[in-house]
């Protein structure tokens, strides 16, 4: 497990700003929203539109892909935008599932308060 975490840092995946933003977004969703509200957020197109706008502004502002002659390579830039959107959404979903893996508080409370009769 330690080698896997070291490999994630060595590959640069965990230092990607879009992945970090997805981790922060997933953490905030889990902290402040119920499971039903999170489900509805991921089901609405507005979430993906806002995410696409955020990723486009980051890629076009900081990570634009250029050709050898100095002009923008729009095909590769578009693919980078799609990949960035995928990284953002998957990181937020996986962060929610990772946090819920270690959240035992609600299950313990409801298990102890149920009537056995």
PDB file of N, CA and C in Angstrom:
ATOM      1  N   UNK A   1       0.815  -1.182   0.000  1.00  0.00           N
ATOM      2  CA  UNK A   1       0.000   0.000   0.000  1.00  0.00           C
ATOM      3  C   UNK A   1       0.867   1.257   0.000  1.00  0.00           C
ATOM      4  N   UNK A   2       1.943   1.211   0.754  1.00  0.00           N
ATOM      5  CA  UNK A   2       2.851   2.359   0.799  1.00  0.00           C
ATOM      6  C   UNK A   2       3.470   2.592  -0.579  1.00  0.00           C
ATOM      7  N   UNK A   3       3.818   1.514  -1.263  1.00  0.00           N
ATOM      8  CA  UNK A   3       4.404   1.664  -2.604  1.00  0.00           C
ATOM      9  C   UNK A   3       3.410   2.287  -3.575  1.00  0.00           C
ATOM     10  N   UNK A   4       2.126   1.948  -3.437  1.00  0.00           N
ATOM     11  CA  UNK A   4       1.108   2.529  -4.302  1.00  0.00           C
ATOM     12  C   UNK A   4       0.945   4.019  -4.079  1.00  0.00           C
ATOM     13  N   UNK A   5       0.987   4.442  -2.825  1.00  0.00           N
ATOM     14  CA  UNK A   5       0.878   5.870  -2.523  1.00  0.00           C
ATOM     15  C   UNK A   5       2.108   6.616  -3.026  1.00  0.00           C
ATOM     16  N   UNK A   6       3.286   6.014  -2.839  1.00  0.00           N
ATOM     17  CA  UNK A   6       4.514   6.636  -3.348  1.00  0.00           C
ATOM     18  C   UNK A   6       4.467   6.730  -4.869  1.00  0.00           C
ATOM     19  N   UNK A   7       3.917   5.709  -5.526  1.00  0.00           N
ATOM     20  CA  UNK A   7       3.810   5.731  -6.982  1.00  0.00           C
ATOM     21  C   UNK A   7       2.853   6.835  -7.455  1.00  0.00           C
ATOM     22  N   UNK A   8       1.773   7.080  -6.685  1.00  0.00           N
ATOM     23  CA  UNK A   8       0.863   8.161  -7.056  1.00  0.00           C
ATOM     24  C   UNK A   8       1.542   9.518  -6.958  1.00  0.00           C
ATOM     25  N   UNK A   9       2.356   9.720  -5.924  1.00  0.00           N
ATOM     26  CA  UNK A   9       3.079  10.978  -5.817  1.00  0.00           C
ATOM     27  C   UNK A   9       4.167  11.086  -6.883  1.00  0.00           C
ATOM     28  N   UNK A  10       4.847   9.978  -7.174  1.00  0.00           N
ATOM     29  CA  UNK A  10       5.923   9.999  -8.163  1.00  0.00           C
ATOM     30  C   UNK A  10       5.379  10.255  -9.573  1.00  0.00           C
ATOM     31  N   UNK A  11       4.183   9.759  -9.860  1.00  0.00           N
ATOM     32  CA  UNK A  11       3.607   9.972 -11.195  1.00  0.00           C
ATOM     33  C   UNK A  11       3.088  11.390 -11.376  1.00  0.00           C
ATOM     34  N   UNK A  12       2.867  12.090 -10.271  1.00  0.00           N
ATOM     35  CA  UNK A  12       2.363  13.455 -10.355  1.00  0.00           C
ATOM     36  C   UNK A  12       0.857  13.544 -10.379  1.00  0.00           C
ATOM     37  N   UNK A  13       0.164  12.426 -10.239  1.00  0.00           N
ATOM     38  CA  UNK A  13      -1.286  12.442 -10.298  1.00  0.00           C
ATOM     39  C   UNK A  13      -1.890  13.191  -9.117  1.00  0.00           C
ATOM     40  N   UNK A  14      -1.355  12.981  -7.929  1.00  0.00           N
ATOM     41  CA  UNK A  14      -1.916  13.648  -6.752  1.00  0.00           C
ATOM     42  C   UNK A  14      -1.557  15.121  -6.681  1.00  0.00           C
ATOM     43  N   UNK A  15      -0.604  15.553  -7.461  1.00  0.00           N
ATOM     44  CA  UNK A  15      -0.252  16.974  -7.471  1.00  0.00           C
ATOM     45  C   UNK A  15      -0.911  17.728  -8.632  1.00  0.00           C
ATOM     46  N   UNK A  16      -1.723  17.037  -9.417  1.00  0.00           N
ATOM     47  CA  UNK A  16      -2.468  17.681 -10.489  1.00  0.00           C
ATOM     48  C   UNK A  16      -3.539  18.574  -9.865  1.00  0.00           C
ATOM     49  N   UNK A  17      -3.602  19.845 -10.233  1.00  0.00           N
ATOM     50  CA  UNK A  17      -4.588  20.749  -9.615  1.00  0.00           C
ATOM     51  C   UNK A  17      -6.038  20.316  -9.810  1.00  0.00           C
ATOM     52  N   UNK A  18      -6.358  19.687 -10.929  1.00  0.00           N
ATOM     53  CA  UNK A  18      -7.730  19.251 -11.144  1.00  0.00           C
ATOM     54  C   UNK A  18      -8.091  18.078 -10.240  1.00  0.00           C
ATOM     55  N   UNK A  19      -7.141  17.198  -9.993  1.00  0.00           N
ATOM     56  CA  UNK A  19      -7.380  16.090  -9.067  1.00  0.00           C
ATOM     57  C   UNK A  19      -7.517  16.625  -7.645  1.00  0.00           C
ATOM     58  N   UNK A  20      -6.659  17.555  -7.276  1.00  0.00           N
ATOM     59  CA  UNK A  20      -6.753  18.139  -5.934  1.00  0.00           C
ATOM     60  C   UNK A  20      -8.072  18.876  -5.752  1.00  0.00           C
ATOM     61  N   UNK A  21      -8.526  19.585  -6.770  1.00  0.00           N
ATOM     62  CA  UNK A  21      -9.813  20.268  -6.686  1.00  0.00           C
ATOM     63  C   UNK A  21     -10.965  19.268  -6.593  1.00  0.00           C
ATOM     64  N   UNK A  22     -10.849  18.151  -7.289  1.00  0.00           N
ATOM     65  CA  UNK A  22     -11.858  17.099  -7.179  1.00  0.00           C
ATOM     66  C   UNK A  22     -11.888  16.490  -5.791  1.00  0.00           C
ATOM     67  N   UNK A  23     -10.728  16.316  -5.188  1.00  0.00           N
ATOM     68  CA  UNK A  23     -10.654  15.783  -3.826  1.00  0.00           C
ATOM     69  C   UNK A  23     -11.296  16.759  -2.844  1.00  0.00           C
ATOM     70  N   UNK A  24     -11.009  18.031  -2.998  1.00  0.00           N
ATOM     71  CA  UNK A  24     -11.600  19.047  -2.116  1.00  0.00           C
ATOM     72  C   UNK A  24     -13.113  19.114  -2.319  1.00  0.00           C
ATOM     73  N   UNK A  25     -13.553  19.055  -3.563  1.00  0.00           N
ATOM     74  CA  UNK A  25     -14.981  19.101  -3.859  1.00  0.00           C
ATOM     75  C   UNK A  25     -15.705  17.900  -3.266  1.00  0.00           C
ATOM     76  N   UNK A  26     -15.153  16.720  -3.443  1.00  0.00           N
ATOM     77  CA  UNK A  26     -15.761  15.521  -2.872  1.00  0.00           C
ATOM     78  C   UNK A  26     -15.812  15.574  -1.356  1.00  0.00           C
ATOM     79  N   UNK A  27     -14.762  16.091  -0.737  1.00  0.00           N
ATOM     80  CA  UNK A  27     -14.746  16.217   0.721  1.00  0.00           C
ATOM     81  C   UNK A  27     -15.813  17.186   1.210  1.00  0.00           C
ATOM     82  N   UNK A  28     -15.956  18.304   0.519  1.00  0.00           N
ATOM     83  CA  UNK A  28     -16.977  19.282   0.910  1.00  0.00           C
ATOM     84  C   UNK A  28     -18.385  18.751   0.678  1.00  0.00           C
ATOM     85  N   UNK A  29     -18.588  18.031  -0.405  1.00  0.00           N
ATOM     86  CA  UNK A  29     -19.894  17.423  -0.650  1.00  0.00           C
ATOM     87  C   UNK A  29     -20.247  16.465   0.478  1.00  0.00           C
ATOM     88  N   UNK A  30     -19.293  15.624   0.861  1.00  0.00           N
ATOM     89  CA  UNK A  30     -19.566  14.633   1.901  1.00  0.00           C
ATOM     90  C   UNK A  30     -19.786  15.294   3.260  1.00  0.00           C
ATOM     91  N   UNK A  31     -19.091  16.381   3.519  1.00  0.00           N
ATOM     92  CA  UNK A  31     -19.195  17.031   4.821  1.00  0.00           C
ATOM     93  C   UNK A  31     -20.508  17.800   4.983  1.00  0.00           C
ATOM     94  N   UNK A  32     -21.006  18.403   3.933  1.00  0.00           N
ATOM     95  CA  UNK A  32     -22.131  19.317   4.080  1.00  0.00           C
ATOM     96  C   UNK A  32     -23.441  18.872   3.427  1.00  0.00           C
ATOM     97  N   UNK A  33     -23.430  17.794   2.663  1.00  0.00           N
ATOM     98  CA  UNK A  33     -24.643  17.371   1.965  1.00  0.00           C
ATOM     99  C   UNK A  33     -25.028  15.953   2.359  1.00  0.00           C
ATOM    100  N   UNK A  34     -26.297  15.635   2.211  1.00  0.00           N
ATOM    101  CA  UNK A  34     -26.752  14.270   2.464  1.00  0.00           C
ATOM    102  C   UNK A  34     -26.482  13.414   1.220  1.00  0.00           C
ATOM    103  N   UNK A  35     -26.645  12.126   1.382  1.00  0.00           N
ATOM    104  CA  UNK A  35     -26.379  11.209   0.271  1.00  0.00           C
ATOM    105  C   UNK A  35     -27.326  11.463  -0.896  1.00  0.00           C
ATOM    106  N   UNK A  36     -28.561  11.781  -0.589  1.00  0.00           N
ATOM    107  CA  UNK A  36     -29.526  12.056  -1.658  1.00  0.00           C
ATOM    108  C   UNK A  36     -29.177  13.332  -2.407  1.00  0.00           C
ATOM    109  N   UNK A  37     -28.730  14.356  -1.695  1.00  0.00           N
ATOM    110  CA  UNK A  37     -28.333  15.608  -2.352  1.00  0.00           C
ATOM    111  C   UNK A  37     -27.098  15.409  -3.224  1.00  0.00           C
ATOM    112  N   UNK A  38     -26.156  14.608  -2.754  1.00  0.00           N
ATOM    113  CA  UNK A  38     -24.961  14.310  -3.564  1.00  0.00           C
ATOM    114  C   UNK A  38     -25.368  13.573  -4.834  1.00  0.00           C
ATOM    115  N   UNK A  39     -26.258  12.608  -4.685  1.00  0.00           N
ATOM    116  CA  UNK A  39     -26.736  11.857  -5.844  1.00  0.00           C
ATOM    117  C   UNK A  39     -27.389  12.779  -6.864  1.00  0.00           C
ATOM    118  N   UNK A  40     -28.203  13.714  -6.389  1.00  0.00           N
ATOM    119  CA  UNK A  40     -28.871  14.644  -7.296  1.00  0.00           C
ATOM    120  C   UNK A  40     -27.886  15.597  -7.968  1.00  0.00           C
ATOM    121  N   UNK A  41     -26.834  15.987  -7.257  1.00  0.00           N
ATOM    122  CA  UNK A  41     -25.821  16.870  -7.856  1.00  0.00           C
ATOM    123  C   UNK A  41     -25.125  16.173  -9.010  1.00  0.00           C
ATOM    124  N   UNK A  42     -24.729  14.920  -8.805  1.00  0.00           N
ATOM    125  CA  UNK A  42     -24.028  14.193  -9.867  1.00  0.00           C
ATOM    126  C   UNK A  42     -24.961  13.793 -11.008  1.00  0.00           C
ATOM    127  N   UNK A  43     -26.246  13.906 -10.801  1.00  0.00           N
ATOM    128  CA  UNK A  43     -27.203  13.551 -11.840  1.00  0.00           C
ATOM    129  C   UNK A  43     -27.584  14.745 -12.714  1.00  0.00           C
ATOM    130  N   UNK A  44     -27.336  15.965 -12.241  1.00  0.00           N
ATOM    131  CA  UNK A  44     -27.739  17.152 -12.997  1.00  0.00           C
ATOM    132  C   UNK A  44     -26.657  17.573 -13.996  1.00  0.00           C
ATOM    133  N   UNK A  45     -27.059  18.030 -15.169  1.00  0.00           N
ATOM    134  CA  UNK A  45     -26.086  18.509 -16.147  1.00  0.00           C
ATOM    135  C   UNK A  45     -25.400  19.812 -15.734  1.00  0.00           C
ATOM    136  N   UNK A  46     -26.005  20.564 -14.834  1.00  0.00           N
ATOM    137  CA  UNK A  46     -25.401  21.828 -14.410  1.00  0.00           C
ATOM    138  C   UNK A  46     -24.063  21.602 -13.710  1.00  0.00           C
ATOM    139  N   UNK A  47     -23.940  20.524 -12.938  1.00  0.00           N
ATOM    140  CA  UNK A  47     -22.677  20.204 -12.274  1.00  0.00           C
ATOM    141  C   UNK A  47     -21.576  19.969 -13.306  1.00  0.00           C
ATOM    142  N   UNK A  48     -21.901  19.218 -14.342  1.00  0.00           N
ATOM    143  CA  UNK A  48     -20.910  18.928 -15.374  1.00  0.00           C
ATOM    144  C   UNK A  48     -20.597  20.160 -16.223  1.00  0.00           C
ATOM    145  N   UNK A  49     -21.578  21.028 -16.409  1.00  0.00           N
ATOM    146  CA  UNK A  49     -21.329  22.267 -17.144  1.00  0.00           C
ATOM    147  C   UNK A  49     -20.391  23.187 -16.374  1.00  0.00           C
ATOM    148  N   UNK A  50     -20.632  23.322 -15.074  1.00  0.00           N
ATOM    149  CA  UNK A  50     -19.751  24.148 -14.242  1.00  0.00           C
ATOM    150  C   UNK A  50     -18.355  23.530 -14.171  1.00  0.00           C
ATOM    151  N   UNK A  51     -18.307  22.209 -14.066  1.00  0.00           N
ATOM    152  CA  UNK A  51     -17.014  21.529 -14.038  1.00  0.00           C
ATOM    153  C   UNK A  51     -16.264  21.723 -15.354  1.00  0.00           C
ATOM    154  N   UNK A  52     -16.985  21.636 -16.467  1.00  0.00           N
ATOM    155  CA  UNK A  52     -16.366  21.836 -17.779  1.00  0.00           C
ATOM    156  C   UNK A  52     -15.861  23.260 -17.926  1.00  0.00           C
ATOM    157  N   UNK A  53     -16.616  24.227 -17.442  1.00  0.00           N
ATOM    158  CA  UNK A  53     -16.179  25.622 -17.482  1.00  0.00           C
ATOM    159  C   UNK A  53     -14.908  25.821 -16.650  1.00  0.00           C
ATOM    160  N   UNK A  54     -14.863  25.219 -15.490  1.00  0.00           N
ATOM    161  CA  UNK A  54     -13.695  25.304 -14.620  1.00  0.00           C
ATOM    162  C   UNK A  54     -12.471  24.658 -15.274  1.00  0.00           C
ATOM    163  N   UNK A  55     -12.659  23.475 -15.834  1.00  0.00           N
ATOM    164  CA  UNK A  55     -11.552  22.763 -16.477  1.00  0.00           C
ATOM    165  C   UNK A  55     -11.080  23.510 -17.724  1.00  0.00           C
ATOM    166  N   UNK A  56     -12.007  24.031 -18.509  1.00  0.00           N
ATOM    167  CA  UNK A  56     -11.628  24.801 -19.709  1.00  0.00           C
ATOM    168  C   UNK A  56     -10.814  26.025 -19.343  1.00  0.00           C
ATOM    169  N   UNK A  57     -11.247  26.733 -18.310  1.00  0.00           N
ATOM    170  CA  UNK A  57     -10.494  27.928 -17.924  1.00  0.00           C
ATOM    171  C   UNK A  57      -9.100  27.568 -17.427  1.00  0.00           C
ATOM    172  N   UNK A  58      -8.971  26.448 -16.724  1.00  0.00           N
ATOM    173  CA  UNK A  58      -7.642  26.036 -16.250  1.00  0.00           C
ATOM    174  C   UNK A  58      -6.753  25.604 -17.416  1.00  0.00           C
ATOM    175  N   UNK A  59      -7.280  24.740 -18.282  1.00  0.00           N
ATOM    176  CA  UNK A  59      -6.476  24.222 -19.402  1.00  0.00           C
ATOM    177  C   UNK A  59      -6.112  25.343 -20.366  1.00  0.00           C
ATOM    178  N   UNK A  60      -7.071  26.180 -20.737  1.00  0.00           N
ATOM    179  CA  UNK A  60      -6.779  27.258 -21.688  1.00  0.00           C
ATOM    180  C   UNK A  60      -5.912  28.344 -21.072  1.00  0.00           C
ATOM    181  N   UNK A  61      -5.977  28.508 -19.768  1.00  0.00           N
ATOM    182  CA  UNK A  61      -5.172  29.530 -19.113  1.00  0.00           C
ATOM    183  C   UNK A  61      -3.758  29.091 -18.777  1.00  0.00           C
ATOM    184  N   UNK A  62      -3.609  27.827 -18.369  1.00  0.00           N
ATOM    185  CA  UNK A  62      -2.303  27.398 -17.863  1.00  0.00           C
ATOM    186  C   UNK A  62      -1.690  26.207 -18.588  1.00  0.00           C
ATOM    187  N   UNK A  63      -2.499  25.340 -19.176  1.00  0.00           N
ATOM    188  CA  UNK A  63      -1.976  24.095 -19.743  1.00  0.00           C
ATOM    189  C   UNK A  63      -2.304  23.906 -21.216  1.00  0.00           C
ATOM    190  N   UNK A  64      -2.365  24.972 -21.952  1.00  0.00           N
ATOM    191  CA  UNK A  64      -2.669  24.870 -23.375  1.00  0.00           C
ATOM    192  C   UNK A  64      -1.562  24.097 -24.079  1.00  0.00           C
ATOM    193  N   UNK A  65      -1.933  23.262 -25.045  1.00  0.00           N
ATOM    194  CA  UNK A  65      -0.969  22.442 -25.787  1.00  0.00           C
ATOM    195  C   UNK A  65      -0.628  23.165 -27.089  1.00  0.00           C
ATOM    196  N   UNK A  66       0.664  23.296 -27.347  1.00  0.00           N
ATOM    197  CA  UNK A  66       1.128  24.021 -28.534  1.00  0.00           C
ATOM    198  C   UNK A  66       1.773  23.072 -29.529  1.00  0.00           C
ATOM    199  N   UNK A  67       1.721  23.454 -30.805  1.00  0.00           N
ATOM    200  CA  UNK A  67       2.411  22.729 -31.856  1.00  0.00           C
ATOM    201  C   UNK A  67       3.862  23.196 -31.894  1.00  0.00           C
ATOM    202  N   UNK A  68       4.642  22.604 -32.753  1.00  0.00           N
ATOM    203  CA  UNK A  68       6.057  22.977 -32.861  1.00  0.00           C
ATOM    204  C   UNK A  68       6.241  24.397 -33.385  1.00  0.00           C
ATOM    205  N   UNK A  69       5.292  24.873 -34.199  1.00  0.00           N
ATOM    206  CA  UNK A  69       5.432  26.219 -34.761  1.00  0.00           C
ATOM    207  C   UNK A  69       4.899  27.310 -33.818  1.00  0.00           C
ATOM    208  N   UNK A  70       4.424  26.953 -32.636  1.00  0.00           N
ATOM    209  CA  UNK A  70       3.982  27.921 -31.651  1.00  0.00           C
ATOM    210  C   UNK A  70       2.492  28.191 -31.639  1.00  0.00           C
ATOM    211  N   UNK A  71       1.769  27.591 -32.551  1.00  0.00           N
ATOM    212  CA  UNK A  71       0.316  27.768 -32.570  1.00  0.00           C
ATOM    213  C   UNK A  71      -0.345  26.734 -31.657  1.00  0.00           C
ATOM    214  N   UNK A  72      -1.551  27.042 -31.231  1.00  0.00           N
ATOM    215  CA  UNK A  72      -2.272  26.135 -30.343  1.00  0.00           C
ATOM    216  C   UNK A  72      -2.718  24.892 -31.097  1.00  0.00           C
ATOM    217  N   UNK A  73      -2.447  23.743 -30.521  1.00  0.00           N
ATOM    218  CA  UNK A  73      -2.920  22.473 -31.067  1.00  0.00           C
ATOM    219  C   UNK A  73      -4.297  22.208 -30.448  1.00  0.00           C
ATOM    220  N   UNK A  74      -5.354  22.574 -31.166  1.00  0.00           N
ATOM    221  CA  UNK A  74      -6.693  22.527 -30.604  1.00  0.00           C
ATOM    222  C   UNK A  74      -7.179  21.111 -30.362  1.00  0.00           C
ATOM    223  N   UNK A  75      -6.741  20.158 -31.167  1.00  0.00           N
ATOM    224  CA  UNK A  75      -7.156  18.768 -30.951  1.00  0.00           C
ATOM    225  C   UNK A  75      -6.604  18.259 -29.626  1.00  0.00           C
ATOM    226  N   UNK A  76      -5.347  18.464 -29.376  1.00  0.00           N
ATOM    227  CA  UNK A  76      -4.736  18.005 -28.124  1.00  0.00           C
ATOM    228  C   UNK A  76      -5.240  18.804 -26.925  1.00  0.00           C
ATOM    229  N   UNK A  77      -5.512  20.082 -27.126  1.00  0.00           N
ATOM    230  CA  UNK A  77      -6.073  20.894 -26.046  1.00  0.00           C
ATOM    231  C   UNK A  77      -7.469  20.403 -25.690  1.00  0.00           C
ATOM    232  N   UNK A  78      -8.271  20.074 -26.694  1.00  0.00           N
ATOM    233  CA  UNK A  78      -9.608  19.531 -26.440  1.00  0.00           C
ATOM    234  C   UNK A  78      -9.528  18.201 -25.705  1.00  0.00           C
ATOM    235  N   UNK A  79      -8.602  17.336 -26.104  1.00  0.00           N
ATOM    236  CA  UNK A  79      -8.422  16.063 -25.408  1.00  0.00           C
ATOM    237  C   UNK A  79      -7.952  16.276 -23.967  1.00  0.00           C
ATOM    238  N   UNK A  80      -7.132  17.284 -23.739  1.00  0.00           N
ATOM    239  CA  UNK A  80      -6.697  17.604 -22.376  1.00  0.00           C
ATOM    240  C   UNK A  80      -7.868  18.101 -21.535  1.00  0.00           C
ATOM    241  N   UNK A  81      -8.791  18.839 -22.147  1.00  0.00           N
ATOM    242  CA  UNK A  81      -9.978  19.310 -21.431  1.00  0.00           C
ATOM    243  C   UNK A  81     -10.870  18.138 -21.041  1.00  0.00           C
ATOM    244  N   UNK A  82     -11.083  17.223 -21.958  1.00  0.00           N
ATOM    245  CA  UNK A  82     -11.898  16.041 -21.666  1.00  0.00           C
ATOM    246  C   UNK A  82     -11.236  15.195 -20.572  1.00  0.00           C
ATOM    247  N   UNK A  83      -9.928  15.010 -20.664  1.00  0.00           N
ATOM    248  CA  UNK A  83      -9.207  14.262 -19.634  1.00  0.00           C
ATOM    249  C   UNK A  83      -9.240  14.951 -18.282  1.00  0.00           C
ATOM    250  N   UNK A  84      -9.136  16.268 -18.282  1.00  0.00           N
ATOM    251  CA  UNK A  84      -9.205  17.023 -17.038  1.00  0.00           C
ATOM    252  C   UNK A  84     -10.580  16.935 -16.399  1.00  0.00           C
ATOM    253  N   UNK A  85     -11.628  16.981 -17.213  1.00  0.00           N
ATOM    254  CA  UNK A  85     -12.979  16.827 -16.687  1.00  0.00           C
ATOM    255  C   UNK A  85     -13.164  15.444 -16.071  1.00  0.00           C
ATOM    256  N   UNK A  86     -12.644  14.425 -16.745  1.00  0.00           N
ATOM    257  CA  UNK A  86     -12.705  13.067 -16.225  1.00  0.00           C
ATOM    258  C   UNK A  86     -11.959  12.953 -14.895  1.00  0.00           C
ATOM    259  N   UNK A  87     -10.765  13.533 -14.811  1.00  0.00           N
ATOM    260  CA  UNK A  87      -9.990  13.490 -13.570  1.00  0.00           C
ATOM    261  C   UNK A  87     -10.720  14.174 -12.431  1.00  0.00           C
ATOM    262  N   UNK A  88     -11.306  15.328 -12.706  1.00  0.00           N
ATOM    263  CA  UNK A  88     -12.014  16.088 -11.674  1.00  0.00           C
ATOM    264  C   UNK A  88     -13.201  15.308 -11.125  1.00  0.00           C
ATOM    265  N   UNK A  89     -14.045  14.788 -12.011  1.00  0.00           N
ATOM    266  CA  UNK A  89     -15.258  14.100 -11.579  1.00  0.00           C
ATOM    267  C   UNK A  89     -14.917  12.785 -10.877  1.00  0.00           C
ATOM    268  N   UNK A  90     -14.003  12.028 -11.427  1.00  0.00           N
ATOM    269  CA  UNK A  90     -13.641  10.746 -10.808  1.00  0.00           C
ATOM    270  C   UNK A  90     -12.969  10.965  -9.453  1.00  0.00           C
ATOM    271  N   UNK A  91     -12.129  11.977  -9.335  1.00  0.00           N
ATOM    272  CA  UNK A  91     -11.490  12.254  -8.048  1.00  0.00           C
ATOM    273  C   UNK A  91     -12.511  12.644  -6.995  1.00  0.00           C
ATOM    274  N   UNK A  92     -13.518  13.410  -7.374  1.00  0.00           N
ATOM    275  CA  UNK A  92     -14.528  13.797  -6.383  1.00  0.00           C
ATOM    276  C   UNK A  92     -15.383  12.602  -5.963  1.00  0.00           C
ATOM    277  N   UNK A  93     -15.753  11.748  -6.906  1.00  0.00           N
ATOM    278  CA  UNK A  93     -16.547  10.562  -6.569  1.00  0.00           C
ATOM    279  C   UNK A  93     -15.740   9.599  -5.708  1.00  0.00           C
ATOM    280  N   UNK A  94     -14.488   9.381  -6.061  1.00  0.00           N
ATOM    281  CA  UNK A  94     -13.660   8.462  -5.281  1.00  0.00           C
ATOM    282  C   UNK A  94     -13.350   9.008  -3.896  1.00  0.00           C
ATOM    283  N   UNK A  95     -13.264  10.323  -3.754  1.00  0.00           N
ATOM    284  CA  UNK A  95     -13.041  10.896  -2.426  1.00  0.00           C
ATOM    285  C   UNK A  95     -14.253  10.690  -1.539  1.00  0.00           C
ATOM    286  N   UNK A  96     -15.441  10.824  -2.106  1.00  0.00           N
ATOM    287  CA  UNK A  96     -16.657  10.572  -1.329  1.00  0.00           C
ATOM    288  C   UNK A  96     -16.702   9.115  -0.868  1.00  0.00           C
ATOM    289  N   UNK A  97     -16.383   8.189  -1.755  1.00  0.00           N
ATOM    290  CA  UNK A  97     -16.405   6.780  -1.366  1.00  0.00           C
ATOM    291  C   UNK A  97     -15.283   6.459  -0.375  1.00  0.00           C
ATOM    292  N   UNK A  98     -14.143   7.121  -0.501  1.00  0.00           N
ATOM    293  CA  UNK A  98     -13.041   6.885   0.432  1.00  0.00           C
ATOM    294  C   UNK A  98     -13.392   7.364   1.836  1.00  0.00           C
ATOM    295  N   UNK A  99     -13.989   8.549   1.946  1.00  0.00           N
ATOM    296  CA  UNK A  99     -14.378   9.059   3.254  1.00  0.00           C
ATOM    297  C   UNK A  99     -15.478   8.195   3.866  1.00  0.00           C
ATOM    298  N   UNK A 100     -16.437   7.771   3.055  1.00  0.00           N
ATOM    299  CA  UNK A 100     -17.522   6.952   3.585  1.00  0.00           C
ATOM    300  C   UNK A 100     -17.025   5.582   4.035  1.00  0.00           C
ATOM    301  N   UNK A 101     -15.894   5.146   3.530  1.00  0.00           N
ATOM    302  CA  UNK A 101     -15.311   3.888   3.968  1.00  0.00           C
ATOM    303  C   UNK A 101     -14.921   3.945   5.443  1.00  0.00           C
ATOM    304  N   UNK A 102     -14.493   5.113   5.917  1.00  0.00           N
ATOM    305  CA  UNK A 102     -14.033   5.255   7.291  1.00  0.00           C
ATOM    306  C   UNK A 102     -15.046   5.928   8.205  1.00  0.00           C
ATOM    307  N   UNK A 103     -16.237   6.205   7.711  1.00  0.00           N
ATOM    308  CA  UNK A 103     -17.255   6.871   8.523  1.00  0.00           C
ATOM    309  C   UNK A 103     -18.133   5.815   9.184  1.00  0.00           C
ATOM    310  N   UNK A 104     -17.917   5.597  10.469  1.00  0.00           N
ATOM    311  CA  UNK A 104     -18.682   4.610  11.208  1.00  0.00           C
ATOM    312  C   UNK A 104     -19.684   5.246  12.164  1.00  0.00           C
ATOM    313  N   UNK A 105     -19.675   6.556  12.302  1.00  0.00           N
ATOM    314  CA  UNK A 105     -20.466   7.241  13.314  1.00  0.00           C
ATOM    315  C   UNK A 105     -21.958   7.019  13.186  1.00  0.00           C
ATOM    316  N   UNK A 106     -22.542   7.220  12.025  1.00  0.00           N
ATOM    317  CA  UNK A 106     -23.986   7.098  11.871  1.00  0.00           C
ATOM    318  C   UNK A 106     -24.453   5.662  12.032  1.00  0.00           C
ATOM    319  N   UNK A 107     -23.689   4.714  11.537  1.00  0.00           N
ATOM    320  CA  UNK A 107     -24.091   3.317  11.652  1.00  0.00           C
ATOM    321  C   UNK A 107     -24.064   2.856  13.106  1.00  0.00           C
ATOM    322  N   UNK A 108     -23.107   3.322  13.874  1.00  0.00           N
ATOM    323  CA  UNK A 108     -23.016   2.930  15.276  1.00  0.00           C
ATOM    324  C   UNK A 108     -24.168   3.527  16.079  1.00  0.00           C
ATOM    325  N   UNK A 109     -24.539   4.746  15.777  1.00  0.00           N
ATOM    326  CA  UNK A 109     -25.625   5.402  16.510  1.00  0.00           C
ATOM    327  C   UNK A 109     -26.951   4.712  16.210  1.00  0.00           C
ATOM    328  N   UNK A 110     -27.220   4.441  14.956  1.00  0.00           N
ATOM    329  CA  UNK A 110     -28.494   3.815  14.614  1.00  0.00           C
ATOM    330  C   UNK A 110     -28.540   2.359  15.065  1.00  0.00           C
ATOM    331  N   UNK A 111     -27.409   1.684  15.099  1.00  0.00           N
ATOM    332  CA  UNK A 111     -27.394   0.280  15.541  1.00  0.00           C
ATOM    333  C   UNK A 111     -27.686   0.187  17.037  1.00  0.00           C
ATOM    334  N   UNK A 112     -27.225   1.137  17.828  1.00  0.00           N
ATOM    335  CA  UNK A 112     -27.429   1.100  19.264  1.00  0.00           C
ATOM    336  C   UNK A 112     -28.784   1.626  19.694  1.00  0.00           C
ATOM    337  N   UNK A 113     -29.494   2.330  18.855  1.00  0.00           N
ATOM    338  CA  UNK A 113     -30.773   2.908  19.245  1.00  0.00           C
ATOM    339  C   UNK A 113     -31.965   2.137  18.724  1.00  0.00           C
ATOM    340  N   UNK A 114     -31.750   1.095  17.955  1.00  0.00           N
ATOM    341  CA  UNK A 114     -32.864   0.335  17.428  1.00  0.00           C
ATOM    342  C   UNK A 114     -33.448  -0.564  18.518  1.00  0.00           C
ATOM    343  N   UNK A 115     -34.754  -0.699  18.500  1.00  0.00           N
ATOM    344  CA  UNK A 115     -35.444  -1.541  19.466  1.00  0.00           C
ATOM    345  C   UNK A 115     -35.346  -2.998  19.021  1.00  0.00           C
ATOM    346  N   UNK A 116     -34.979  -3.873  19.934  1.00  0.00           N
ATOM    347  CA  UNK A 116     -34.800  -5.283  19.596  1.00  0.00           C
ATOM    348  C   UNK A 116     -36.085  -6.059  19.677  1.00  0.00           C
ATOM    349  N   UNK A 117     -37.158  -5.494  20.167  1.00  0.00           N
ATOM    350  CA  UNK A 117     -38.402  -6.229  20.340  1.00  0.00           C
ATOM    351  C   UNK A 117     -39.297  -6.094  19.141  1.00  0.00           C
TER     352      UNK A 117
END
